[in-house]
C-alpha cells in the first residue's frame, strides 16, 4: 500500500501496479480491448467518410476545370486534394485490422 507523501516516482509505480493488476483480470482486459476496437471502428468509419469527401472534392475540381478555367490554375487545388487523399490513406493504413466477427 502507498505511503504518504508520495513522490512522483512512487505515484507512477503505484499506478503501474494498479494498471497491471487490472489488466491481469481477463474481464477487464477484454472490456478494454472491446472499447479500443470500437474506437478504431469509429476512426475507420470517419476516415471512410473523409475518403468519400476527398473523392467528391476531386470530382468537383474536375467539373470546374471543364468550365473554361485554365487547368494550371487548378494545379494547387489538386495538389492539396492529393495531399488530403494521401493523409487519409496513411491514417487508414495505420489502424489495426478489424477482428473477424465470430458470429459471422
N, C-alpha and C. Protein backbone atom coordinates (compact mmCIF):
# COMPACT_ATOMS: atom_id res chain seq x y z
N UNK A 1 0.84 -1.18 0.00
CA UNK A 1 0.00 0.00 0.00
C UNK A 1 0.89 1.24 0.00
N UNK A 2 0.39 2.31 -0.50
CA UNK A 2 1.16 3.54 -0.65
C UNK A 2 1.40 4.21 0.69
N UNK A 3 2.56 4.82 0.78
CA UNK A 3 2.90 5.63 1.96
C UNK A 3 2.81 7.08 1.55
N UNK A 4 2.46 7.94 2.48
CA UNK A 4 2.32 9.36 2.16
C UNK A 4 3.45 10.14 2.79
N UNK A 5 3.94 11.20 2.26
CA UNK A 5 3.56 11.73 0.94
C UNK A 5 4.24 10.94 -0.17
N UNK A 6 3.54 10.82 -1.30
CA UNK A 6 4.06 10.10 -2.44
C UNK A 6 4.93 11.01 -3.30
N UNK A 7 6.04 10.49 -3.74
CA UNK A 7 6.84 11.20 -4.73
C UNK A 7 6.25 10.88 -6.10
N UNK A 8 6.66 11.62 -7.10
CA UNK A 8 6.17 11.36 -8.45
C UNK A 8 6.53 9.95 -8.89
N UNK A 9 7.74 9.52 -8.59
CA UNK A 9 8.17 8.17 -8.98
C UNK A 9 7.36 7.11 -8.24
N UNK A 10 7.10 7.33 -6.95
CA UNK A 10 6.31 6.37 -6.18
C UNK A 10 4.88 6.31 -6.68
N UNK A 11 4.33 7.46 -7.02
CA UNK A 11 2.97 7.52 -7.55
C UNK A 11 2.89 6.79 -8.88
N UNK A 12 3.89 6.99 -9.72
CA UNK A 12 3.93 6.30 -11.01
C UNK A 12 4.01 4.79 -10.80
N UNK A 13 4.81 4.37 -9.85
CA UNK A 13 4.96 2.94 -9.56
C UNK A 13 3.64 2.36 -9.04
N UNK A 14 2.96 3.09 -8.18
CA UNK A 14 1.66 2.64 -7.67
C UNK A 14 0.64 2.53 -8.82
N UNK A 15 0.64 3.50 -9.71
CA UNK A 15 -0.28 3.48 -10.84
C UNK A 15 0.01 2.30 -11.75
N UNK A 16 1.28 2.05 -12.03
CA UNK A 16 1.65 0.91 -12.87
C UNK A 16 1.22 -0.41 -12.24
N UNK A 17 1.38 -0.53 -10.93
CA UNK A 17 0.97 -1.75 -10.23
C UNK A 17 -0.54 -1.92 -10.31
N UNK A 18 -1.28 -0.84 -10.13
CA UNK A 18 -2.73 -0.90 -10.22
C UNK A 18 -3.18 -1.30 -11.62
N UNK A 19 -2.61 -0.66 -12.64
CA UNK A 19 -2.98 -0.97 -14.03
C UNK A 19 -2.61 -2.41 -14.38
N UNK A 20 -1.44 -2.85 -13.96
CA UNK A 20 -1.03 -4.23 -14.22
C UNK A 20 -2.01 -5.21 -13.58
N UNK A 21 -2.42 -4.89 -12.35
CA UNK A 21 -3.39 -5.75 -11.67
C UNK A 21 -4.72 -5.80 -12.40
N UNK A 22 -5.16 -4.65 -12.87
CA UNK A 22 -6.43 -4.62 -13.61
C UNK A 22 -6.33 -5.39 -14.92
N UNK A 23 -5.21 -5.19 -15.65
CA UNK A 23 -5.05 -5.87 -16.94
C UNK A 23 -4.88 -7.38 -16.78
N UNK A 24 -4.49 -7.82 -15.59
CA UNK A 24 -4.36 -9.26 -15.34
C UNK A 24 -5.72 -9.93 -15.21
N UNK A 25 -6.76 -9.13 -15.00
CA UNK A 25 -8.11 -9.68 -14.89
C UNK A 25 -8.69 -9.80 -16.30
N UNK A 26 -9.01 -11.02 -16.73
CA UNK A 26 -9.47 -11.24 -18.10
C UNK A 26 -10.69 -10.39 -18.50
N UNK A 27 -11.65 -10.23 -17.61
CA UNK A 27 -12.84 -9.46 -17.95
C UNK A 27 -12.50 -8.00 -18.20
N UNK A 28 -11.61 -7.43 -17.38
CA UNK A 28 -11.20 -6.04 -17.56
C UNK A 28 -10.43 -5.88 -18.86
N UNK A 29 -9.50 -6.80 -19.09
CA UNK A 29 -8.70 -6.75 -20.31
C UNK A 29 -9.59 -6.86 -21.55
N UNK A 30 -10.57 -7.75 -21.51
CA UNK A 30 -11.49 -7.91 -22.64
C UNK A 30 -12.32 -6.65 -22.86
N UNK A 31 -12.74 -6.02 -21.78
CA UNK A 31 -13.53 -4.78 -21.89
C UNK A 31 -12.69 -3.66 -22.51
N UNK A 32 -11.43 -3.55 -22.09
CA UNK A 32 -10.54 -2.53 -22.66
C UNK A 32 -10.32 -2.79 -24.14
N UNK A 33 -10.08 -4.04 -24.51
CA UNK A 33 -9.88 -4.37 -25.91
C UNK A 33 -11.12 -4.06 -26.74
N UNK A 34 -12.29 -4.34 -26.17
CA UNK A 34 -13.54 -4.06 -26.88
C UNK A 34 -13.72 -2.55 -27.09
N UNK A 35 -13.42 -1.77 -26.06
CA UNK A 35 -13.51 -0.31 -26.19
C UNK A 35 -12.51 0.21 -27.22
N UNK A 36 -11.30 -0.34 -27.20
CA UNK A 36 -10.27 0.07 -28.16
C UNK A 36 -10.72 -0.23 -29.58
N UNK A 37 -11.23 -1.44 -29.81
CA UNK A 37 -11.64 -1.81 -31.16
C UNK A 37 -12.86 -0.99 -31.60
N UNK A 38 -13.75 -0.64 -30.68
CA UNK A 38 -14.88 0.22 -31.03
C UNK A 38 -14.37 1.60 -31.44
N UNK A 39 -13.36 2.10 -30.76
CA UNK A 39 -12.77 3.39 -31.12
C UNK A 39 -12.11 3.31 -32.48
N UNK A 40 -11.43 2.21 -32.74
CA UNK A 40 -10.79 2.02 -34.05
C UNK A 40 -11.86 1.99 -35.14
N UNK A 41 -12.98 1.32 -34.86
CA UNK A 41 -14.06 1.26 -35.86
C UNK A 41 -14.60 2.66 -36.13
N UNK A 42 -14.77 3.45 -35.09
CA UNK A 42 -15.24 4.83 -35.28
C UNK A 42 -14.25 5.63 -36.12
N UNK A 43 -12.96 5.46 -35.84
CA UNK A 43 -11.94 6.14 -36.64
C UNK A 43 -11.99 5.68 -38.09
N UNK A 44 -12.11 4.38 -38.29
CA UNK A 44 -12.17 3.82 -39.64
C UNK A 44 -13.38 4.38 -40.39
N UNK A 45 -14.53 4.44 -39.72
CA UNK A 45 -15.74 4.99 -40.34
C UNK A 45 -15.54 6.46 -40.70
N UNK A 46 -14.91 7.22 -39.80
CA UNK A 46 -14.65 8.63 -40.07
C UNK A 46 -13.70 8.80 -41.26
N UNK A 47 -12.69 7.96 -41.32
CA UNK A 47 -11.74 8.04 -42.44
C UNK A 47 -12.40 7.61 -43.75
N UNK A 48 -13.31 6.64 -43.69
CA UNK A 48 -14.06 6.28 -44.89
C UNK A 48 -14.90 7.47 -45.37
N UNK A 49 -15.49 8.20 -44.43
CA UNK A 49 -16.23 9.40 -44.79
C UNK A 49 -15.33 10.46 -45.38
N UNK A 50 -14.13 10.58 -44.84
CA UNK A 50 -13.16 11.54 -45.37
C UNK A 50 -12.74 11.16 -46.79
N UNK A 51 -12.57 9.86 -47.03
CA UNK A 51 -12.22 9.39 -48.39
C UNK A 51 -13.33 9.78 -49.38
N UNK A 52 -14.57 9.59 -48.96
CA UNK A 52 -15.70 9.95 -49.82
C UNK A 52 -15.70 11.45 -50.10
N UNK A 53 -15.42 12.24 -49.08
CA UNK A 53 -15.38 13.70 -49.26
C UNK A 53 -14.26 14.11 -50.21
N UNK A 54 -13.11 13.48 -50.09
CA UNK A 54 -11.98 13.80 -50.98
C UNK A 54 -12.33 13.40 -52.41
N UNK A 55 -12.97 12.25 -52.58
CA UNK A 55 -13.39 11.83 -53.93
C UNK A 55 -14.38 12.83 -54.52
N UNK A 56 -15.31 13.30 -53.70
CA UNK A 56 -16.29 14.29 -54.15
C UNK A 56 -15.60 15.60 -54.52
N UNK A 57 -14.66 16.01 -53.70
CA UNK A 57 -13.91 17.23 -53.97
C UNK A 57 -13.12 17.11 -55.27
N UNK A 58 -12.53 15.96 -55.50
CA UNK A 58 -11.79 15.72 -56.74
C UNK A 58 -12.72 15.84 -57.95
N UNK A 59 -13.91 15.26 -57.83
CA UNK A 59 -14.89 15.33 -58.92
C UNK A 59 -15.32 16.76 -59.18
N UNK A 60 -15.52 17.53 -58.10
CA UNK A 60 -15.94 18.93 -58.27
C UNK A 60 -14.85 19.76 -58.93
N UNK A 61 -13.59 19.49 -58.57
CA UNK A 61 -12.49 20.20 -59.22
C UNK A 61 -12.47 19.85 -60.70
N UNK A 62 -12.73 18.59 -61.01
CA UNK A 62 -12.80 18.16 -62.41
C UNK A 62 -13.91 18.87 -63.17
N UNK A 63 -15.05 19.08 -62.53
CA UNK A 63 -16.16 19.79 -63.17
C UNK A 63 -15.80 21.24 -63.44
N UNK A 64 -15.13 21.87 -62.47
CA UNK A 64 -14.73 23.26 -62.61
C UNK A 64 -13.72 23.40 -63.74
N UNK A 65 -12.82 22.43 -63.86
CA UNK A 65 -11.79 22.52 -64.90
C UNK A 65 -12.41 22.46 -66.28
N UNK A 66 -13.56 21.84 -66.40
CA UNK A 66 -14.24 21.78 -67.69
C UNK A 66 -15.08 23.01 -67.96
N UNK A 67 -15.08 23.98 -67.07
CA UNK A 67 -15.94 25.16 -67.21
C UNK A 67 -15.17 26.36 -67.74
N UNK A 68 -14.07 26.12 -68.43
CA UNK A 68 -13.34 27.23 -69.03
C UNK A 68 -12.26 27.83 -68.16
N UNK A 69 -11.98 27.23 -67.02
CA UNK A 69 -10.90 27.73 -66.16
C UNK A 69 -9.60 27.08 -66.62
N UNK A 70 -8.56 27.85 -66.63
CA UNK A 70 -7.25 27.34 -67.02
C UNK A 70 -6.86 26.21 -66.07
N UNK A 71 -6.61 25.00 -66.58
CA UNK A 71 -6.26 23.88 -65.71
C UNK A 71 -5.03 24.16 -64.83
N UNK A 72 -4.13 24.98 -65.29
CA UNK A 72 -2.94 25.32 -64.50
C UNK A 72 -3.33 26.05 -63.22
N UNK A 73 -4.43 26.80 -63.27
CA UNK A 73 -4.90 27.50 -62.07
C UNK A 73 -5.42 26.53 -61.01
N UNK A 74 -5.79 25.33 -61.44
CA UNK A 74 -6.33 24.33 -60.51
C UNK A 74 -5.24 23.42 -59.95
N UNK A 75 -4.04 23.51 -60.49
CA UNK A 75 -2.96 22.63 -60.01
C UNK A 75 -2.73 22.73 -58.51
N UNK A 76 -2.69 23.93 -57.92
CA UNK A 76 -2.50 23.99 -56.45
C UNK A 76 -3.65 23.33 -55.68
N UNK A 77 -4.86 23.48 -56.20
CA UNK A 77 -6.01 22.85 -55.54
C UNK A 77 -5.90 21.33 -55.62
N UNK A 78 -5.56 20.84 -56.81
CA UNK A 78 -5.40 19.39 -56.96
C UNK A 78 -4.26 18.86 -56.09
N UNK A 79 -3.21 19.63 -55.96
CA UNK A 79 -2.10 19.21 -55.10
C UNK A 79 -2.56 19.07 -53.65
N UNK A 80 -3.36 20.02 -53.18
CA UNK A 80 -3.89 19.96 -51.81
C UNK A 80 -4.84 18.78 -51.64
N UNK A 81 -5.68 18.55 -52.64
CA UNK A 81 -6.61 17.42 -52.58
C UNK A 81 -5.83 16.11 -52.54
N UNK A 82 -4.77 16.01 -53.33
CA UNK A 82 -3.96 14.79 -53.32
C UNK A 82 -3.25 14.61 -51.99
N UNK A 83 -2.81 15.71 -51.38
CA UNK A 83 -2.20 15.63 -50.05
C UNK A 83 -3.22 15.12 -49.03
N UNK A 84 -4.44 15.62 -49.11
CA UNK A 84 -5.51 15.13 -48.22
C UNK A 84 -5.74 13.64 -48.43
N UNK A 85 -5.80 13.23 -49.69
CA UNK A 85 -6.03 11.81 -50.01
C UNK A 85 -4.91 10.95 -49.41
N UNK A 86 -3.67 11.38 -49.58
CA UNK A 86 -2.54 10.61 -49.06
C UNK A 86 -2.57 10.54 -47.53
N UNK A 87 -2.96 11.64 -46.90
CA UNK A 87 -3.05 11.65 -45.44
C UNK A 87 -4.11 10.69 -44.95
N UNK A 88 -5.28 10.72 -45.58
CA UNK A 88 -6.38 9.83 -45.19
C UNK A 88 -5.97 8.38 -45.42
N UNK A 89 -5.33 8.09 -46.54
CA UNK A 89 -4.91 6.72 -46.82
C UNK A 89 -3.85 6.25 -45.82
N UNK A 90 -2.92 7.12 -45.47
CA UNK A 90 -1.89 6.75 -44.49
C UNK A 90 -2.50 6.49 -43.12
N UNK A 91 -3.44 7.34 -42.72
CA UNK A 91 -4.11 7.13 -41.43
C UNK A 91 -4.89 5.82 -41.44
N UNK A 92 -5.58 5.54 -42.53
CA UNK A 92 -6.35 4.30 -42.63
C UNK A 92 -5.43 3.09 -42.54
N UNK A 93 -4.29 3.17 -43.21
CA UNK A 93 -3.35 2.05 -43.21
C UNK A 93 -2.73 1.83 -41.84
N UNK A 94 -2.68 2.87 -41.01
CA UNK A 94 -2.04 2.74 -39.70
C UNK A 94 -2.95 2.12 -38.66
N UNK A 95 -4.23 2.01 -38.96
CA UNK A 95 -5.16 1.42 -37.99
C UNK A 95 -5.01 -0.10 -37.96
N UNK A 96 -5.21 -0.71 -36.79
CA UNK A 96 -5.17 -2.17 -36.74
C UNK A 96 -6.31 -2.77 -37.57
N UNK A 97 -6.05 -3.95 -38.10
CA UNK A 97 -7.07 -4.62 -38.90
C UNK A 97 -8.26 -4.98 -38.01
N UNK A 98 -9.47 -4.89 -38.57
CA UNK A 98 -10.63 -5.27 -37.77
C UNK A 98 -10.59 -6.76 -37.46
N UNK A 99 -11.07 -7.10 -36.26
CA UNK A 99 -11.14 -8.52 -35.89
C UNK A 99 -12.31 -9.16 -36.60
N UNK A 100 -12.12 -10.42 -36.95
CA UNK A 100 -13.21 -11.17 -37.60
C UNK A 100 -14.33 -11.36 -36.59
N UNK A 101 -15.56 -11.21 -37.07
CA UNK A 101 -16.72 -11.37 -36.21
C UNK A 101 -16.96 -12.87 -36.02
N UNK A 102 -16.88 -13.37 -34.78
CA UNK A 102 -17.07 -14.80 -34.55
C UNK A 102 -18.48 -15.27 -34.88
N UNK A 103 -19.45 -14.36 -34.91
CA UNK A 103 -20.83 -14.72 -35.21
C UNK A 103 -21.04 -14.88 -36.71
N UNK A 104 -20.11 -14.36 -37.50
CA UNK A 104 -20.27 -14.40 -38.96
C UNK A 104 -19.90 -15.75 -39.51
